[in-house]
PDB file of N, CA and C in Angstrom:
ATOM      1  N   MET A   1      25.417  43.157 -26.127  1.00  0.00           N
ATOM      2  CA  MET A   1      24.194  42.462 -25.735  1.00  0.00           C
ATOM      3  C   MET A   1      22.950  43.339 -25.952  1.00  0.00           C
ATOM      4  N   ASN A   2      23.056  44.624 -25.674  1.00  0.00           N
ATOM      5  CA  ASN A   2      21.905  45.507 -25.829  1.00  0.00           C
ATOM      6  C   ASN A   2      21.463  45.624 -27.284  1.00  0.00           C
ATOM      7  N   THR A   3      22.396  45.580 -28.205  1.00  0.00           N
ATOM      8  CA  THR A   3      22.011  45.708 -29.606  1.00  0.00           C
ATOM      9  C   THR A   3      21.217  44.509 -30.076  1.00  0.00           C
ATOM     10  N   LEU A   4      21.466  43.333 -29.524  1.00  0.00           N
ATOM     11  CA  LEU A   4      20.691  42.154 -29.891  1.00  0.00           C
ATOM     12  C   LEU A   4      19.268  42.258 -29.367  1.00  0.00           C
ATOM     13  N   VAL A   5      19.118  42.785 -28.175  1.00  0.00           N
ATOM     14  CA  VAL A   5      17.779  42.912 -27.593  1.00  0.00           C
ATOM     15  C   VAL A   5      16.967  43.942 -28.363  1.00  0.00           C
ATOM     16  N   LEU A   6      17.559  45.051 -28.736  1.00  0.00           N
ATOM     17  CA  LEU A   6      16.838  46.103 -29.451  1.00  0.00           C
ATOM     18  C   LEU A   6      16.556  45.739 -30.897  1.00  0.00           C
ATOM     19  N   ALA A   7      17.202  44.716 -31.408  1.00  0.00           N
ATOM     20  CA  ALA A   7      16.944  44.299 -32.778  1.00  0.00           C
ATOM     21  C   ALA A   7      15.591  43.620 -32.910  1.00  0.00           C
ATOM     22  N   CYS A   8      15.081  43.095 -31.818  1.00  0.00           N
ATOM     23  CA  CYS A   8      13.785  42.412 -31.823  1.00  0.00           C
ATOM     24  C   CYS A   8      12.674  43.436 -31.654  1.00  0.00           C
ATOM     25  N   ALA A   9      11.633  43.357 -32.482  1.00  0.00           N
ATOM     26  CA  ALA A   9      10.522  44.318 -32.401  1.00  0.00           C
ATOM     27  C   ALA A   9       9.770  44.186 -31.087  1.00  0.00           C
ATOM     28  N   VAL A  10       9.668  42.986 -30.567  1.00  0.00           N
ATOM     29  CA  VAL A  10       8.939  42.771 -29.322  1.00  0.00           C
ATOM     30  C   VAL A  10       9.791  43.147 -28.119  1.00  0.00           C
ATOM     31  N   CYS A  11      11.076  42.810 -28.154  1.00  0.00           N
ATOM     32  CA  CYS A  11      11.965  43.110 -27.035  1.00  0.00           C
ATOM     33  C   CYS A  11      12.169  44.607 -26.873  1.00  0.00           C
ATOM     34  N   GLY A  12      12.116  45.345 -27.949  1.00  0.00           N
ATOM     35  CA  GLY A  12      12.295  46.788 -27.880  1.00  0.00           C
ATOM     36  C   GLY A  12      10.990  47.530 -27.696  1.00  0.00           C
ATOM     37  N   ALA A  13       9.951  46.874 -27.210  1.00  0.00           N
ATOM     38  CA  ALA A  13       8.636  47.499 -27.078  1.00  0.00           C
ATOM     39  C   ALA A  13       8.634  48.629 -26.067  1.00  0.00           C
ATOM     40  N   GLY A  14       9.490  48.577 -25.069  1.00  0.00           N
ATOM     41  CA  GLY A  14       9.537  49.638 -24.072  1.00  0.00           C
ATOM     42  C   GLY A  14      10.228  50.881 -24.576  1.00  0.00           C
ATOM     43  N   VAL A  15      10.940  50.784 -25.669  1.00  0.00           N
ATOM     44  CA  VAL A  15      11.665  51.919 -26.230  1.00  0.00           C
ATOM     45  C   VAL A  15      10.704  52.728 -27.090  1.00  0.00           C
ATOM     46  N   ASP A  16      10.847  54.042 -27.061  1.00  0.00           N
ATOM     47  CA  ASP A  16       9.987  54.914 -27.868  1.00  0.00           C
ATOM     48  C   ASP A  16      10.430  54.829 -29.327  1.00  0.00           C
ATOM     49  N   ASP A  17       9.940  53.815 -29.993  1.00  0.00           N
ATOM     50  CA  ASP A  17      10.315  53.554 -31.382  1.00  0.00           C
ATOM     51  C   ASP A  17       9.104  53.789 -32.274  1.00  0.00           C
ATOM     52  N   PRO A  18       9.227  54.584 -33.312  1.00  0.00           N
ATOM     53  CA  PRO A  18       8.076  54.820 -34.191  1.00  0.00           C
ATOM     54  C   PRO A  18       7.608  53.556 -34.900  1.00  0.00           C
ATOM     55  N   GLY A  19       8.481  52.595 -35.079  1.00  0.00           N
ATOM     56  CA  GLY A  19       8.090  51.358 -35.745  1.00  0.00           C
ATOM     57  C   GLY A  19       7.261  50.442 -34.871  1.00  0.00           C
ATOM     58  N   SER A  20       7.334  50.605 -33.560  1.00  0.00           N
ATOM     59  CA  SER A  20       6.582  49.701 -32.672  1.00  0.00           C
ATOM     60  C   SER A  20       5.076  49.904 -32.812  1.00  0.00           C
ATOM     61  N   ALA A  21       4.647  51.124 -33.084  1.00  0.00           N
ATOM     62  CA  ALA A  21       3.215  51.379 -33.270  1.00  0.00           C
ATOM     63  C   ALA A  21       2.704  50.657 -34.511  1.00  0.00           C
ATOM     64  N   SER A  22       3.527  50.581 -35.541  1.00  0.00           N
ATOM     65  CA  SER A  22       3.091  49.897 -36.762  1.00  0.00           C
ATOM     66  C   SER A  22       2.909  48.403 -36.520  1.00  0.00           C
ATOM     67  N   TYR A  23       3.750  47.810 -35.666  1.00  0.00           N
ATOM     68  CA  TYR A  23       3.573  46.396 -35.338  1.00  0.00           C
ATOM     69  C   TYR A  23       2.258  46.167 -34.599  1.00  0.00           C
ATOM     70  N   VAL A  24       1.943  47.069 -33.695  1.00  0.00           N
ATOM     71  CA  VAL A  24       0.691  46.937 -32.939  1.00  0.00           C
ATOM     72  C   VAL A  24      -0.506  47.088 -33.872  1.00  0.00           C
ATOM     73  N   TRP A  25      -0.503  48.130 -34.719  1.00  0.00           N
ATOM     74  CA  TRP A  25      -1.640  48.364 -35.605  1.00  0.00           C
ATOM     75  C   TRP A  25      -1.810  47.251 -36.630  1.00  0.00           C
ATOM     76  N   MET A  26      -0.721  46.742 -37.154  1.00  0.00           N
ATOM     77  CA  MET A  26      -0.841  45.644 -38.118  1.00  0.00           C
ATOM     78  C   MET A  26      -1.337  44.370 -37.437  1.00  0.00           C
ATOM     79  N   SER A  27      -0.949  44.164 -36.178  1.00  0.00           N
ATOM     80  CA  SER A  27      -1.474  43.012 -35.434  1.00  0.00           C
ATOM     81  C   SER A  27      -2.979  43.134 -35.244  1.00  0.00           C
ATOM     82  N   VAL A  28      -3.448  44.341 -34.957  1.00  0.00           N
ATOM     83  CA  VAL A  28      -4.887  44.568 -34.805  1.00  0.00           C
ATOM     84  C   VAL A  28      -5.606  44.332 -36.128  1.00  0.00           C
ATOM     85  N   ILE A  29      -5.053  44.867 -37.208  1.00  0.00           N
ATOM     86  CA  ILE A  29      -5.689  44.706 -38.523  1.00  0.00           C
ATOM     87  C   ILE A  29      -5.725  43.239 -38.937  1.00  0.00           C
ATOM     88  N   ILE A  30      -4.606  42.551 -38.747  1.00  0.00           N
ATOM     89  CA  ILE A  30      -4.549  41.143 -39.142  1.00  0.00           C
ATOM     90  C   ILE A  30      -5.499  40.298 -38.283  1.00  0.00           C
ATOM     91  N   SER A  31      -5.687  40.685 -37.033  1.00  0.00           N
ATOM     92  CA  SER A  31      -6.594  39.936 -36.161  1.00  0.00           C
ATOM     93  C   SER A  31      -8.057  40.193 -36.509  1.00  0.00           C
ATOM     94  N   LEU A  32      -8.399  41.423 -36.870  1.00  0.00           N
ATOM     95  CA  LEU A  32      -9.798  41.773 -37.122  1.00  0.00           C
ATOM     96  C   LEU A  32     -10.254  41.499 -38.547  1.00  0.00           C
ATOM     97  N   LEU A  33      -9.339  41.461 -39.494  1.00  0.00           N
ATOM     98  CA  LEU A  33      -9.719  41.285 -40.888  1.00  0.00           C
ATOM     99  C   LEU A  33     -10.529  40.014 -41.148  1.00  0.00           C
ATOM    100  N   PRO A  34     -10.136  38.845 -40.647  1.00  0.00           N
ATOM    101  CA  PRO A  34     -10.969  37.655 -40.884  1.00  0.00           C
ATOM    102  C   PRO A  34     -12.363  37.773 -40.270  1.00  0.00           C
ATOM    103  N   LEU A  35     -12.458  38.398 -39.102  1.00  0.00           N
ATOM    104  CA  LEU A  35     -13.772  38.579 -38.482  1.00  0.00           C
ATOM    105  C   LEU A  35     -14.647  39.506 -39.321  1.00  0.00           C
ATOM    106  N   LEU A  36     -14.064  40.574 -39.835  1.00  0.00           N
ATOM    107  CA  LEU A  36     -14.827  41.490 -40.685  1.00  0.00           C
ATOM    108  C   LEU A  36     -15.248  40.826 -41.991  1.00  0.00           C
ATOM    109  N   MET A  37     -14.384  39.997 -42.543  1.00  0.00           N
ATOM    110  CA  MET A  37     -14.734  39.292 -43.771  1.00  0.00           C
ATOM    111  C   MET A  37     -15.876  38.315 -43.534  1.00  0.00           C
ATOM    112  N   LEU A  38     -15.813  37.560 -42.459  1.00  0.00           N
ATOM    113  CA  LEU A  38     -16.903  36.626 -42.145  1.00  0.00           C
ATOM    114  C   LEU A  38     -18.199  37.374 -41.854  1.00  0.00           C
ATOM    115  N   GLY A  39     -18.094  38.504 -41.162  1.00  0.00           N
ATOM    116  CA  GLY A  39     -19.277  39.313 -40.892  1.00  0.00           C
ATOM    117  C   GLY A  39     -19.898  39.849 -42.167  1.00  0.00           C
ATOM    118  N   GLY A  40     -19.065  40.256 -43.116  1.00  0.00           N
ATOM    119  CA  GLY A  40     -19.571  40.740 -44.401  1.00  0.00           C
ATOM    120  C   GLY A  40     -20.261  39.647 -45.193  1.00  0.00           C
ATOM    121  N   ILE A  41     -19.682  38.456 -45.189  1.00  0.00           N
ATOM    122  CA  ILE A  41     -20.297  37.329 -45.891  1.00  0.00           C
ATOM    123  C   ILE A  41     -21.628  36.964 -45.232  1.00  0.00           C
ATOM    124  N   LEU A  42     -21.657  36.939 -43.914  1.00  0.00           N
ATOM    125  CA  LEU A  42     -22.897  36.623 -43.200  1.00  0.00           C
ATOM    126  C   LEU A  42     -23.973  37.672 -43.477  1.00  0.00           C
ATOM    127  N   ALA A  43     -23.600  38.946 -43.488  1.00  0.00           N
ATOM    128  CA  ALA A  43     -24.568  40.006 -43.773  1.00  0.00           C
ATOM    129  C   ALA A  43     -25.108  39.871 -45.200  1.00  0.00           C
ATOM    130  N   TRP A  44     -24.238  39.513 -46.149  1.00  0.00           N
ATOM    131  CA  TRP A  44     -24.677  39.335 -47.527  1.00  0.00           C
ATOM    132  C   TRP A  44     -25.648  38.163 -47.646  1.00  0.00           C
ATOM    133  N   VAL A  45     -25.365  37.063 -46.953  1.00  0.00           N
ATOM    134  CA  VAL A  45     -26.258  35.891 -46.996  1.00  0.00           C
ATOM    135  C   VAL A  45     -27.609  36.239 -46.390  1.00  0.00           C
ATOM    136  N   VAL A  46     -27.605  36.902 -45.249  1.00  0.00           N
ATOM    137  CA  VAL A  46     -28.866  37.277 -44.597  1.00  0.00           C
ATOM    138  C   VAL A  46     -29.662  38.218 -45.494  1.00  0.00           C
ATOM    139  N   SER A  47     -28.978  39.178 -46.115  1.00  0.00           N
ATOM    140  CA  SER A  47     -29.660  40.114 -47.016  1.00  0.00           C
ATOM    141  C   SER A  47     -30.247  39.388 -48.224  1.00  0.00           C
ATOM    142  N   SER A  48     -29.514  38.445 -48.775  1.00  0.00           N
ATOM    143  CA  SER A  48     -30.009  37.687 -49.934  1.00  0.00           C
ATOM    144  C   SER A  48     -31.213  36.833 -49.564  1.00  0.00           C
ATOM    145  N   VAL A  49     -31.172  36.201 -48.416  1.00  0.00           N
ATOM    146  CA  VAL A  49     -32.297  35.365 -47.975  1.00  0.00           C
ATOM    147  C   VAL A  49     -33.532  36.223 -47.738  1.00  0.00           C
ATOM    148  N   ARG A  50     -33.355  37.376 -47.102  1.00  0.00           N
ATOM    149  CA  ARG A  50     -34.503  38.253 -46.860  1.00  0.00           C
ATOM    150  C   ARG A  50     -35.100  38.771 -48.162  1.00  0.00           C
ATOM    151  N   ALA A  51     -34.246  39.103 -49.122  1.00  0.00           N
ATOM    152  CA  ALA A  51     -34.742  39.576 -50.421  1.00  0.00           C
ATOM    153  C   ALA A  51     -35.489  38.465 -51.144  1.00  0.00           C
ATOM    154  N   ALA A  52     -34.988  37.235 -51.070  1.00  0.00           N
ATOM    155  CA  ALA A  52     -35.670  36.106 -51.716  1.00  0.00           C
ATOM    156  C   ALA A  52     -37.007  35.824 -51.039  1.00  0.00           C
ATOM    157  N   GLU A  53     -37.049  35.906 -49.714  1.00  0.00           N
ATOM    158  CA  GLU A  53     -38.316  35.684 -49.004  1.00  0.00           C
ATOM    159  C   GLU A  53     -39.323  36.770 -49.342  1.00  0.00           C
ATOM    160  N   LYS A  54     -38.860  38.013 -49.453  1.00  0.00           N
ATOM    161  CA  LYS A  54     -39.764  39.107 -49.807  1.00  0.00           C
ATOM    162  C   LYS A  54     -40.303  38.919 -51.224  1.00  0.00           C
ATOM    163  N   LYS A  55     -39.441  38.497 -52.149  1.00  0.00           N
ATOM    164  CA  LYS A  55     -39.859  38.269 -53.527  1.00  0.00           C
ATOM    165  C   LYS A  55     -40.869  37.126 -53.596  1.00  0.00           C
ATOM    166  N   ASP A  56     -40.635  36.049 -52.839  1.00  0.00           N
ATOM    167  CA  ASP A  56     -41.566  34.926 -52.813  1.00  0.00           C
ATOM    168  C   ASP A  56     -42.903  35.328 -52.203  1.00  0.00           C
ATOM    169  N   ALA A  57     -42.867  36.162 -51.176  1.00  0.00           N
ATOM    170  CA  ALA A  57     -44.111  36.595 -50.536  1.00  0.00           C
ATOM    171  C   ALA A  57     -44.928  37.475 -51.475  1.00  0.00           C
ATOM    172  N   GLU A  58     -44.271  38.291 -52.285  1.00  0.00           N
ATOM    173  CA  GLU A  58     -44.984  39.150 -53.232  1.00  0.00           C
ATOM    174  C   GLU A  58     -45.524  38.353 -54.414  1.00  0.00           C
ATOM    175  N   ALA A  59     -44.832  37.281 -54.783  1.00  0.00           N
ATOM    176  CA  ALA A  59     -45.245  36.489 -55.947  1.00  0.00           C
ATOM    177  C   ALA A  59     -46.308  35.453 -55.590  1.00  0.00           C
ATOM    178  N   ALA A  60     -46.449  35.117 -54.340  1.00  0.00           N
ATOM    179  CA  ALA A  60     -47.417  34.092 -53.925  1.00  0.00           C
ATOM    180  C   ALA A  60     -48.839  34.622 -54.104  1.00  0.00           C
ATOM    181  N   PRO A  61     -49.718  33.771 -54.593  1.00  0.00           N
ATOM    182  CA  PRO A  61     -51.121  34.208 -54.729  1.00  0.00           C
ATOM    183  C   PRO A  61     -51.740  34.427 -53.357  1.00  0.00           C
ATOM    184  N   ARG A  62     -52.508  35.485 -53.278  1.00  0.00           N
ATOM    185  CA  ARG A  62     -53.141  35.795 -52.005  1.00  0.00           C
ATOM    186  C   ARG A  62     -54.545  35.215 -51.985  1.00  0.00           C
ATOM    187  N   SER A  63     -54.854  34.535 -50.928  1.00  0.00           N
ATOM    188  CA  SER A  63     -56.204  33.969 -50.811  1.00  0.00           C
ATOM    189  C   SER A  63     -57.056  34.925 -50.010  1.00  0.00           C
ATOM    190  N   GLU A  64     -58.083  35.452 -50.653  1.00  0.00           N
ATOM    191  CA  GLU A  64     -58.982  36.390 -49.984  1.00  0.00           C
ATOM    192  C   GLU A  64     -60.276  35.661 -49.636  1.00  0.00           C
ATOM    193  N   PRO A  65     -60.732  35.828 -48.410  1.00  0.00           N
ATOM    194  CA  PRO A  65     -61.982  35.130 -48.016  1.00  0.00           C
ATOM    195  C   PRO A  65     -63.228  35.748 -48.579  1.00  0.00           C
TER     196      PRO A  65
END
C-alpha cells in the first residue's frame, strides 16, 4: 500500500524528494507565464500608443498667437 501512495507526486509531498521541488516550481511557472505574457502584450500596446501620440503631437501644426 505504501508504494502506491509514494508513486503519486502529490501524495509523496511530505517525503524529502528532490523531484517534489520541480513540481512546485513548474506549477509556479505554468501559473505565472500567461500573466507575464498578457502583461508584455499590454506594455507593448501602451508603448505603441504613446509613441504614436508623441509622433502625432510633433507632426501637428502649432498655432502661435
